[in-house]
Protein backbone atom coordinates (compact mmCIF):
# COMPACT_ATOMS: atom_id res chain seq x y z
CA MET A 1 -9.01 1.52 11.10
CA LYS A 2 -9.87 -0.98 8.36
CA THR A 3 -12.16 1.61 6.68
CA PHE A 4 -9.28 4.08 6.58
CA ASN A 5 -7.02 1.52 4.86
CA ASN A 6 -9.82 0.58 2.42
CA ASN A 7 -10.28 4.26 1.57
CA ARG A 8 -6.58 4.69 1.01
CA VAL A 9 -6.45 1.67 -1.28
CA LEU A 10 -9.46 2.89 -3.20
CA LYS A 11 -7.99 6.36 -3.55
CA ASP A 12 -4.68 4.86 -4.75
CA LYS A 13 -6.51 2.76 -7.35
CA PHE A 14 -8.49 5.73 -8.56
CA CYS A 15 -5.33 7.83 -8.85
CA LEU A 16 -3.56 5.06 -10.73
CA PHE A 17 -6.55 4.71 -13.12
CA ALA A 18 -6.69 8.42 -13.80
CA ALA A 19 -2.94 9.14 -13.94
CA THR A 20 -2.38 6.36 -16.47
CA ALA A 21 -5.15 7.47 -18.76
CA LEU A 22 -7.58 4.69 -17.76
CA GLY A 23 -4.73 2.27 -17.52
CA LEU A 24 -3.34 2.84 -21.04
CA GLY A 25 -0.12 4.25 -19.59
CA LEU A 26 0.57 0.97 -17.86
CA ALA A 27 1.53 -0.66 -21.17
CA PRO A 28 4.87 -2.41 -20.74
CA ILE A 29 6.29 -0.68 -23.84
CA ALA A 30 5.64 2.84 -25.09
CA PRO A 31 3.33 3.88 -22.28
CA GLY A 32 3.24 7.48 -23.60
CA THR A 33 2.14 6.30 -26.99
CA PHE A 34 -0.58 4.16 -25.50
CA GLY A 35 -1.64 6.97 -23.15
CA THR A 36 -1.98 9.38 -26.08
CA LEU A 37 -4.70 7.09 -27.43
CA LEU A 38 -7.10 8.40 -24.77
CA GLY A 39 -6.73 11.87 -26.29
CA VAL A 40 -7.38 10.40 -29.73
CA ALA A 41 -10.43 8.53 -28.51
CA ALA A 42 -11.80 11.66 -26.88
CA HIS A 43 -11.15 13.65 -30.07
CA VAL A 44 -12.90 11.11 -32.29
CA ALA A 45 -15.85 10.66 -29.89
CA VAL A 46 -16.44 14.39 -29.73
CA VAL A 47 -16.37 14.80 -33.48
CA LYS A 48 -18.63 11.83 -34.10
CA CYS A 49 -21.10 12.38 -31.26
CA ILE A 50 -21.36 16.14 -30.75
CA ALA A 51 -22.82 18.73 -33.13
CA GLU A 52 -20.16 20.78 -34.92
CA PRO A 53 -20.78 24.13 -33.23
CA HIS A 54 -20.11 22.55 -29.79
CA GLN A 55 -17.14 20.35 -30.59
CA HIS A 56 -14.40 22.92 -29.97
CA THR A 57 -15.95 23.93 -26.60
CA LEU A 58 -16.15 20.32 -25.48
CA LEU A 59 -12.58 19.56 -26.59
CA LEU A 60 -11.44 22.60 -24.67
CA MET A 61 -13.29 21.41 -21.60
CA ILE A 62 -11.75 17.94 -21.90
CA PHE A 63 -8.30 19.51 -22.37
CA THR A 64 -8.79 21.71 -19.30
CA ALA A 65 -10.03 18.75 -17.23
CA VAL A 66 -6.98 16.66 -18.27
CA CYS A 67 -4.65 19.53 -17.31
CA ILE A 68 -6.33 20.02 -13.92
CA ALA A 69 -6.12 16.28 -13.29
CA HIS A 70 -2.48 16.38 -14.31
CA PHE A 71 -1.73 19.11 -11.72
CA MET A 72 -3.71 17.42 -9.05
CA LEU A 73 -2.13 13.99 -9.61
CA THR A 74 1.51 15.08 -10.17
CA PRO A 75 2.48 14.86 -6.46
CA TRP A 76 0.87 11.42 -6.24
CA ALA A 77 2.59 10.21 -9.41
CA LEU A 78 6.03 11.53 -8.42
CA ALA A 79 5.75 9.72 -5.05
CA ARG A 80 4.25 6.55 -6.53
CA TRP A 81 6.99 5.98 -9.12
CA ASN A 82 9.80 7.88 -7.38
CA ASP A 83 10.72 9.61 -10.66
CA ASP A 84 10.83 13.23 -11.80
CA ASP A 85 8.82 12.40 -14.96
CA PRO A 86 7.22 8.98 -14.51
CA GLY A 87 6.68 7.20 -17.80
CA HIS A 88 3.37 5.70 -16.73
CA PHE A 89 2.00 9.11 -15.79
CA VAL A 90 0.56 10.02 -19.19
CA LEU A 91 -1.92 12.83 -18.73
CA ASP A 92 0.65 15.13 -20.32
CA GLU A 93 0.54 13.08 -23.48
CA VAL A 94 -3.26 13.23 -23.53
CA ALA A 95 -3.18 17.00 -23.17
CA GLY A 96 -0.37 17.37 -25.71
CA TYR A 97 -2.29 15.44 -28.35
CA LEU A 98 -5.50 17.45 -27.68
CA ILE A 99 -3.69 20.57 -28.77
CA VAL A 100 -3.95 19.23 -32.35
CA PRO A 101 -7.75 19.12 -32.63
CA LEU A 102 -8.04 22.36 -30.64
CA LEU A 103 -5.93 24.19 -33.21
CA VAL A 104 -6.75 22.28 -36.39
CA LYS A 105 -10.45 22.75 -37.09
CA THR A 106 -10.45 21.81 -40.77
CA GLY A 107 -9.51 18.81 -42.84
CA PRO A 108 -10.60 15.18 -42.91
CA LEU A 109 -10.97 13.64 -39.44
CA TRP A 110 -8.96 10.57 -40.44
CA PHE A 111 -6.04 12.74 -41.54
CA VAL A 112 -6.09 15.01 -38.50
CA VAL A 113 -6.19 11.99 -36.17
CA ILE A 114 -3.49 9.89 -37.86
CA ALA A 115 -1.15 12.74 -38.73
CA GLY A 116 -1.78 14.48 -35.41
CA PHE A 117 -1.08 11.33 -33.45
CA LEU A 118 2.06 10.36 -35.36
CA LEU A 119 3.50 13.88 -35.45
CA PHE A 120 2.71 14.53 -31.82
CA ARG A 121 4.46 11.31 -30.75
CA PHE A 122 7.45 12.13 -33.05
CA PHE A 123 7.88 15.58 -31.56
CA ASP A 124 7.27 14.36 -28.04
CA ILE A 125 10.01 11.72 -28.41
CA ILE A 126 12.64 13.80 -30.14
CA LYS A 127 11.91 16.94 -28.09
CA VAL A 128 12.51 19.80 -30.58
CA PRO A 129 13.57 23.02 -28.75
CA PRO A 130 12.25 24.56 -26.69
CA ALA A 131 10.60 21.28 -25.55
CA ARG A 132 14.08 19.82 -24.90
CA GLN A 133 15.04 22.68 -22.61
CA ILE A 134 11.67 22.53 -20.82
CA ASP A 135 12.06 18.76 -20.34
CA ARG A 136 15.61 19.20 -19.03
CA ASP A 137 15.27 22.33 -16.93
CA MET A 138 11.70 22.48 -15.56
CA HIS A 139 10.49 20.09 -12.94
CA GLY A 140 7.24 19.24 -11.34
CA ALA A 141 3.82 19.51 -12.94
CA TRP A 142 4.68 22.37 -15.29
CA GLY A 143 7.82 20.76 -16.55
CA ILE A 144 6.14 17.41 -17.19
CA LEU A 145 3.23 19.11 -19.05
CA LEU A 146 4.79 22.00 -21.02
CA ASP A 147 7.15 19.98 -23.20
CA ASP A 148 4.14 17.93 -24.42
CA LEU A 149 2.15 21.07 -25.14
CA VAL A 150 5.04 22.42 -27.19
CA SER A 151 5.18 19.08 -29.08
CA GLY A 152 1.41 19.38 -29.65
CA LEU A 153 1.90 22.85 -31.11
CA TYR A 154 4.53 21.59 -33.56
CA ALA A 155 2.28 18.70 -34.55
CA ALA A 156 -0.74 20.98 -34.98
CA GLY A 157 1.30 23.36 -37.18
CA LEU A 158 2.44 20.60 -39.47
CA VAL A 159 -1.02 19.03 -39.65
CA TYR A 160 -2.50 22.38 -40.54
CA LEU A 161 0.13 23.08 -43.22
CA SER A 162 -0.40 19.60 -44.68
CA ILE A 163 -4.11 20.17 -44.92
CA ARG A 164 -3.59 23.54 -46.63
CA LEU A 165 -1.24 21.95 -49.15
CA PHE A 166 -3.00 18.67 -49.88
CA PHE A 167 -6.72 19.05 -49.19
């Protein structure tokens, strides 16, 4: 019986670690902003460590893995925090940010990272339609994730336009 309880505790710790983006989402203030930093770190690591022709593929694989983890961990997170959209469950923010480097393949890395991060967080917080309607009307894994993907699309669009205008 003790092994069963140990396995349950270990599974719970693993789920917490993954659902909070390696613990970043446990920040006492702005957990979504801190959680987004895992997406930023993945983006920068891929660009700095992987040859250019393979970067987009690896970013797409990371994005896909984050989305799969999001769907697998949503039931656990909803039960853990007893909330329809738990603030500490930040895989949606990681996926939302990753939309930016997936769609913006040009421009200086520093600009894409900083502008992408700030614009994504801005759009994720203010919830420009249809993100507001998705956040309000959709529930479960899709509702938690889609409003962030929409915010990522808005951020990517503005980053791309800024690069076209200024670089």
